[in-house]
C-alpha cells in the first residue's frame, strides 16, 4: 500500500505532466475519473514486477542452495579423504620407523605428534612452506634411501604461501620409499617456468615391491587435489621408461 501511494503521484506526474510538456504523449489527456484506470495500470505493473522478483529470488535460492550443497559435500569429502590419508600415512610411517630401527628421539616424536594433531584438528589444507618443512624432516628419517633435491633455491617466495592438502607431499615420499629398493635414488626437482612452477618426484620402482600392490595413498591424494584445479594447481602421475614412477605437481602463476 505504501508503494502504491508513493508511485501513483509519481506516475501521474511523469505520464500526464512531464512528458506532455516535452511534446511526448503516450496517453490521452487526463480526465476526471481516470484515477481508477491509472491505479489499475500501476497495480498490474507492480504485480508483474513482484512476480518477476519472486521467480528470480526462487531461482537464485535454488542455485545458491545447490552450490552450497556441493561445497559442503566437497568439504566433507576432503575431511574424510584427509582423515583416511592421515591414518594410512601414520601407520605406514610408524612401520617404516620400526623396521628401519630409527631412534625415537624428540625430533621423531615431534614429527609423529604433528601428524596426529593434523588428524585431530581435521586440517585439510596447509601452506606449501609447512608441508615442505616436514617433508624434509621425513627425508631425514628415511635412512635406507638416497634423496636428491634440485631447484629449491629458485622457488619464488609467493609459492610458499600456496595451499596444498596436508600430508600429501609427504605421502609421495612415503610411497616412493615403500615401492623402491633400498639405497635407490629418489629425485625431487623444482622447475620454474614462465607461467608455472613444477615439482617433479621420481623414483625407480622395485618389481618385488610393486608386486605387493600399488599405494592406496596415491588415490586419496589425487582426490584431495581435485578441488584445487580451479586454483591453478594440477596433479599428474605417470610411468617413464617402464620403470620410473613420476609425480608432477604444477602450480600456475
Protein backbone atom coordinates (compact mmCIF):
# COMPACT_ATOMS: atom_id res chain seq x y z
CA UNK A 1 0.00 0.00 0.00
CA UNK A 2 2.86 2.40 0.77
CA UNK A 3 4.38 1.60 -2.61
CA UNK A 4 1.08 2.19 -4.38
CA UNK A 5 0.52 5.52 -2.67
CA UNK A 6 4.08 6.64 -3.39
CA UNK A 7 4.09 5.50 -7.03
CA UNK A 8 0.68 6.87 -8.01
CA UNK A 9 1.59 10.56 -7.86
CA UNK A 10 4.97 9.97 -9.50
CA UNK A 11 3.49 8.01 -12.44
CA UNK A 12 0.72 10.55 -12.92
CA UNK A 13 3.19 13.45 -12.88
CA UNK A 14 5.52 11.68 -15.31
CA UNK A 15 2.94 10.49 -17.86
CA UNK A 16 0.44 13.32 -17.81
CA UNK A 17 2.50 16.40 -16.92
CA UNK A 18 6.21 15.90 -17.61
CA UNK A 19 6.01 14.04 -20.93
CA UNK A 20 3.33 16.31 -22.45
CA UNK A 21 5.47 19.32 -21.56
CA UNK A 22 8.12 17.82 -23.89
CA UNK A 23 5.51 17.10 -26.56
CA UNK A 24 5.76 13.37 -25.86
CA UNK A 25 2.32 11.93 -25.20
CA UNK A 26 1.62 8.21 -24.78
CA UNK A 27 -1.79 8.53 -23.15
CA UNK A 28 -4.89 10.56 -23.75
CA UNK A 29 -5.20 13.80 -21.76
CA UNK A 30 -6.18 13.46 -18.14
CA UNK A 31 -9.91 13.46 -17.44
CA UNK A 32 -11.99 13.21 -14.36
CA UNK A 33 -12.48 9.60 -13.31
CA UNK A 34 -9.16 8.39 -14.75
CA UNK A 35 -7.81 7.76 -11.27
CA UNK A 36 -9.09 4.18 -11.21
CA UNK A 37 -7.73 3.42 -14.70
CA UNK A 38 -4.27 4.66 -13.75
CA UNK A 39 -4.36 2.81 -10.46
CA UNK A 40 -5.23 -0.46 -12.25
CA UNK A 41 -2.29 0.01 -14.62
CA UNK A 42 0.05 0.67 -11.71
CA UNK A 43 -1.23 -2.38 -9.81
CA UNK A 44 -0.74 -4.63 -12.86
CA UNK A 45 2.76 -3.30 -13.35
CA UNK A 46 3.65 -3.81 -9.69
CA UNK A 47 2.19 -7.33 -9.73
CA UNK A 48 4.27 -8.26 -12.77
CA UNK A 49 7.38 -6.81 -11.15
CA UNK A 50 6.62 -8.69 -7.91
CA UNK A 51 6.09 -11.98 -9.76
CA UNK A 52 9.34 -11.47 -11.65
CA UNK A 53 11.24 -10.74 -8.44
CA UNK A 54 9.74 -13.75 -6.68
CA UNK A 55 10.63 -16.09 -9.55
CA UNK A 56 14.11 -14.59 -9.77
CA UNK A 57 14.57 -14.99 -5.99
CA UNK A 58 13.35 -18.59 -6.12
CA UNK A 59 15.71 -19.49 -8.96
CA UNK A 60 18.59 -17.75 -7.17
CA UNK A 61 17.90 -19.63 -3.94
CA UNK A 62 17.79 -22.94 -5.82
CA UNK A 63 21.15 -22.16 -7.42
CA UNK A 64 22.69 -20.94 -4.16
CA UNK A 65 21.39 -23.96 -2.25
CA UNK A 66 22.77 -26.24 -4.94
CA UNK A 67 26.16 -24.51 -4.82
CA UNK A 68 26.26 -24.57 -1.02
CA UNK A 69 25.28 -28.24 -1.00
CA UNK A 70 28.05 -29.08 -3.46
CA UNK A 71 30.54 -27.03 -1.43
CA UNK A 72 29.51 -28.81 1.76
CA UNK A 73 29.82 -32.17 0.03
CA UNK A 74 33.31 -31.29 -1.21
CA UNK A 75 34.31 -30.15 2.28
CA UNK A 76 33.04 -33.38 3.86
CA UNK A 77 34.78 -35.43 1.17
CA UNK A 78 38.03 -33.55 1.77
CA UNK A 79 37.82 -34.11 5.53
CA UNK A 80 37.04 -37.79 5.02
CA UNK A 81 39.82 -38.30 2.48
CA UNK A 82 42.27 -36.31 4.59
CA UNK A 83 41.48 -38.42 7.68
CA UNK A 84 41.86 -41.63 5.68
CA UNK A 85 45.16 -40.38 4.31
CA UNK A 86 46.35 -39.33 7.78
CA UNK A 87 45.66 -42.76 9.26
CA UNK A 88 47.17 -44.55 6.27
CA UNK A 89 50.23 -42.33 6.35
CA UNK A 90 50.77 -42.59 10.10
CA UNK A 91 50.54 -46.39 10.12
CA UNK A 92 52.98 -46.74 7.24
CA UNK A 93 55.33 -44.16 8.74
CA UNK A 94 55.37 -45.98 12.09
CA UNK A 95 56.12 -49.28 10.35
CA UNK A 96 58.92 -47.62 8.42
CA UNK A 97 60.42 -46.19 11.59
CA UNK A 98 60.24 -49.52 13.45
CA UNK A 99 61.57 -51.62 10.57
CA UNK A 100 64.36 -49.13 9.95
CA UNK A 101 65.20 -49.10 13.67
CA UNK A 102 65.08 -45.32 13.70
CA UNK A 103 65.79 -43.93 17.15
CA UNK A 104 62.67 -42.42 18.68
CA UNK A 105 64.30 -39.17 19.70
CA UNK A 106 62.45 -35.93 20.42
CA UNK A 107 62.62 -34.83 16.78
CA UNK A 108 60.96 -38.01 15.54
CA UNK A 109 58.31 -37.89 18.25
CA UNK A 110 57.60 -34.28 17.33
CA UNK A 111 57.02 -35.38 13.75
CA UNK A 112 54.52 -38.04 14.82
CA UNK A 113 52.80 -35.52 17.08
CA UNK A 114 52.46 -33.13 14.13
CA UNK A 115 50.68 -35.79 12.06
CA UNK A 116 48.40 -36.75 14.94
CA UNK A 117 47.49 -33.09 15.51
CA UNK A 118 46.53 -32.73 11.85
CA UNK A 119 44.20 -35.70 12.22
CA UNK A 120 42.63 -34.27 15.39
CA UNK A 121 42.16 -30.75 14.01
CA UNK A 122 40.92 -32.04 10.65
CA UNK A 123 43.09 -29.54 8.80
CA UNK A 124 42.74 -30.41 5.13
CA UNK A 125 44.97 -27.62 3.78
CA UNK A 126 48.34 -26.26 4.87
CA UNK A 127 50.84 -23.87 3.35
CA UNK A 128 53.41 -25.34 0.99
CA UNK A 129 56.10 -23.97 3.29
CA UNK A 130 54.81 -26.03 6.25
CA UNK A 131 54.36 -29.20 4.20
CA UNK A 132 57.82 -28.86 2.68
CA UNK A 133 59.44 -28.30 6.08
CA UNK A 134 58.05 -31.57 7.45
CA UNK A 135 58.78 -33.34 4.17
CA UNK A 136 62.47 -32.51 4.68
CA UNK A 137 62.21 -33.99 8.17
CA UNK A 138 60.65 -37.16 6.73
CA UNK A 139 63.52 -37.44 4.25
CA UNK A 140 65.97 -37.29 7.15
CA UNK A 141 64.09 -40.20 8.76
CA UNK A 142 64.23 -42.28 5.55
CA UNK A 143 67.70 -43.59 6.26
CA UNK A 144 67.57 -46.50 3.80
CA UNK A 145 67.07 -44.39 0.67
CA UNK A 146 69.06 -41.72 -1.10
CA UNK A 147 67.43 -38.41 -1.95
CA UNK A 148 68.43 -35.61 -4.29
CA UNK A 149 66.65 -32.23 -4.23
CA UNK A 150 67.17 -29.84 -7.13
CA UNK A 151 65.99 -26.30 -7.88
CA UNK A 152 64.54 -25.47 -4.47
CA UNK A 153 66.67 -22.31 -4.34
CA UNK A 154 64.82 -20.99 -7.43
CA UNK A 155 61.32 -21.24 -5.96
CA UNK A 156 59.67 -17.77 -5.85
CA UNK A 157 58.64 -16.52 -2.40
CA UNK A 158 54.92 -16.31 -3.28
CA UNK A 159 54.73 -20.05 -3.89
CA UNK A 160 55.46 -20.95 -0.27
CA UNK A 161 52.13 -19.38 0.71
CA UNK A 162 50.11 -21.52 -1.70
CA UNK A 163 47.88 -24.13 -0.07
CA UNK A 164 48.26 -27.87 -0.54
CA UNK A 165 46.32 -30.76 1.05
CA UNK A 166 48.02 -31.73 4.28
CA UNK A 167 50.40 -34.73 4.30
CA UNK A 168 50.17 -35.14 0.50
CA UNK A 169 53.76 -34.32 -0.45
CA UNK A 170 54.94 -36.47 2.43
CA UNK A 171 52.72 -39.32 1.21
CA UNK A 172 54.55 -39.26 -2.13
CA UNK A 173 57.87 -39.62 -0.30
CA UNK A 174 56.48 -42.40 1.90
CA UNK A 175 55.12 -44.13 -1.22
CA UNK A 176 58.42 -43.73 -3.07
CA UNK A 177 60.35 -45.33 -0.23
CA UNK A 178 57.80 -48.14 0.03
CA UNK A 179 57.96 -49.09 -3.65
CA UNK A 180 61.67 -48.52 -4.30
CA UNK A 181 64.57 -50.78 -3.49
CA UNK A 182 66.82 -49.80 -0.59
CA UNK A 183 69.53 -47.24 -1.36
CA UNK A 184 67.68 -46.35 -4.57
CA UNK A 185 67.81 -42.67 -5.55
CA UNK A 186 64.59 -40.64 -5.20
CA UNK A 187 64.67 -37.32 -7.06
CA UNK A 188 62.74 -34.17 -6.11
CA UNK A 189 63.16 -31.48 -8.73
CA UNK A 190 61.65 -27.98 -8.85
CA UNK A 191 61.36 -26.30 -12.25
CA UNK A 192 60.42 -22.62 -12.60
CA UNK A 193 58.80 -21.89 -15.95
CA UNK A 194 57.33 -18.71 -17.42
CA UNK A 195 53.75 -19.41 -16.37
CA UNK A 196 54.12 -22.18 -13.78
CA UNK A 197 56.28 -23.83 -11.15
CA UNK A 198 56.51 -27.64 -11.26
CA UNK A 199 57.56 -30.13 -8.60
CA UNK A 200 58.63 -33.48 -10.05
CA UNK A 201 59.20 -36.50 -7.81
CA UNK A 202 60.71 -39.55 -9.49
CA UNK A 203 61.61 -42.97 -8.10
CA UNK A 204 62.62 -46.19 -9.81
CA UNK A 205 60.10 -48.87 -8.93
CA UNK A 206 61.26 -52.14 -7.46
CA UNK A 207 59.44 -55.05 -9.12
CA UNK A 208 59.27 -57.07 -5.92
CA UNK A 209 57.72 -54.12 -4.04
CA UNK A 210 55.24 -53.33 -6.82
CA UNK A 211 54.02 -56.93 -6.88
CA UNK A 212 52.56 -56.35 -3.41
CA UNK A 213 50.19 -53.76 -4.85
CA UNK A 214 50.05 -50.05 -5.55
CA UNK A 215 49.82 -47.39 -2.90
CA UNK A 216 46.28 -46.57 -1.75
CA UNK A 217 47.56 -43.22 -0.51
CA UNK A 218 48.09 -42.01 -4.09
CA UNK A 219 44.39 -42.40 -4.83
CA UNK A 220 43.47 -40.43 -1.70
CA UNK A 221 45.96 -37.69 -2.60
CA UNK A 222 44.51 -37.47 -6.10
CA UNK A 223 41.01 -36.93 -4.66
CA UNK A 224 42.26 -34.17 -2.36
CA UNK A 225 43.83 -32.26 -5.25
CA UNK A 226 40.72 -32.39 -7.46
CA UNK A 227 39.06 -29.29 -5.84
CA UNK A 228 42.28 -27.28 -6.34
CA UNK A 229 42.17 -27.47 -10.13
CA UNK A 230 40.24 -24.20 -10.38
CA UNK A 231 43.03 -22.56 -8.33
CA UNK A 232 45.66 -23.47 -10.90
CA UNK A 233 47.04 -26.49 -9.05
CA UNK A 234 47.13 -29.72 -11.07
CA UNK A 235 48.47 -33.18 -10.33
CA UNK A 236 49.62 -35.90 -12.70
CA UNK A 237 51.00 -39.43 -12.22
CA UNK A 238 52.85 -41.27 -14.97
CA UNK A 239 55.43 -44.02 -15.60
CA UNK A 240 58.55 -43.21 -17.60
CA UNK A 241 60.75 -45.78 -19.35
CA UNK A 242 58.59 -48.55 -17.86
CA UNK A 243 60.50 -48.21 -14.61
CA UNK A 244 60.29 -44.73 -13.08
CA UNK A 245 57.15 -43.59 -11.31
CA UNK A 246 56.74 -39.82 -11.64
CA UNK A 247 54.58 -37.44 -9.65
CA UNK A 248 54.23 -33.99 -11.22
CA UNK A 249 52.59 -31.16 -9.27
CA UNK A 250 52.06 -27.95 -11.20
CA UNK A 251 51.32 -24.51 -9.73
CA UNK A 252 50.13 -21.93 -12.27
CA UNK A 253 51.41 -18.40 -11.69
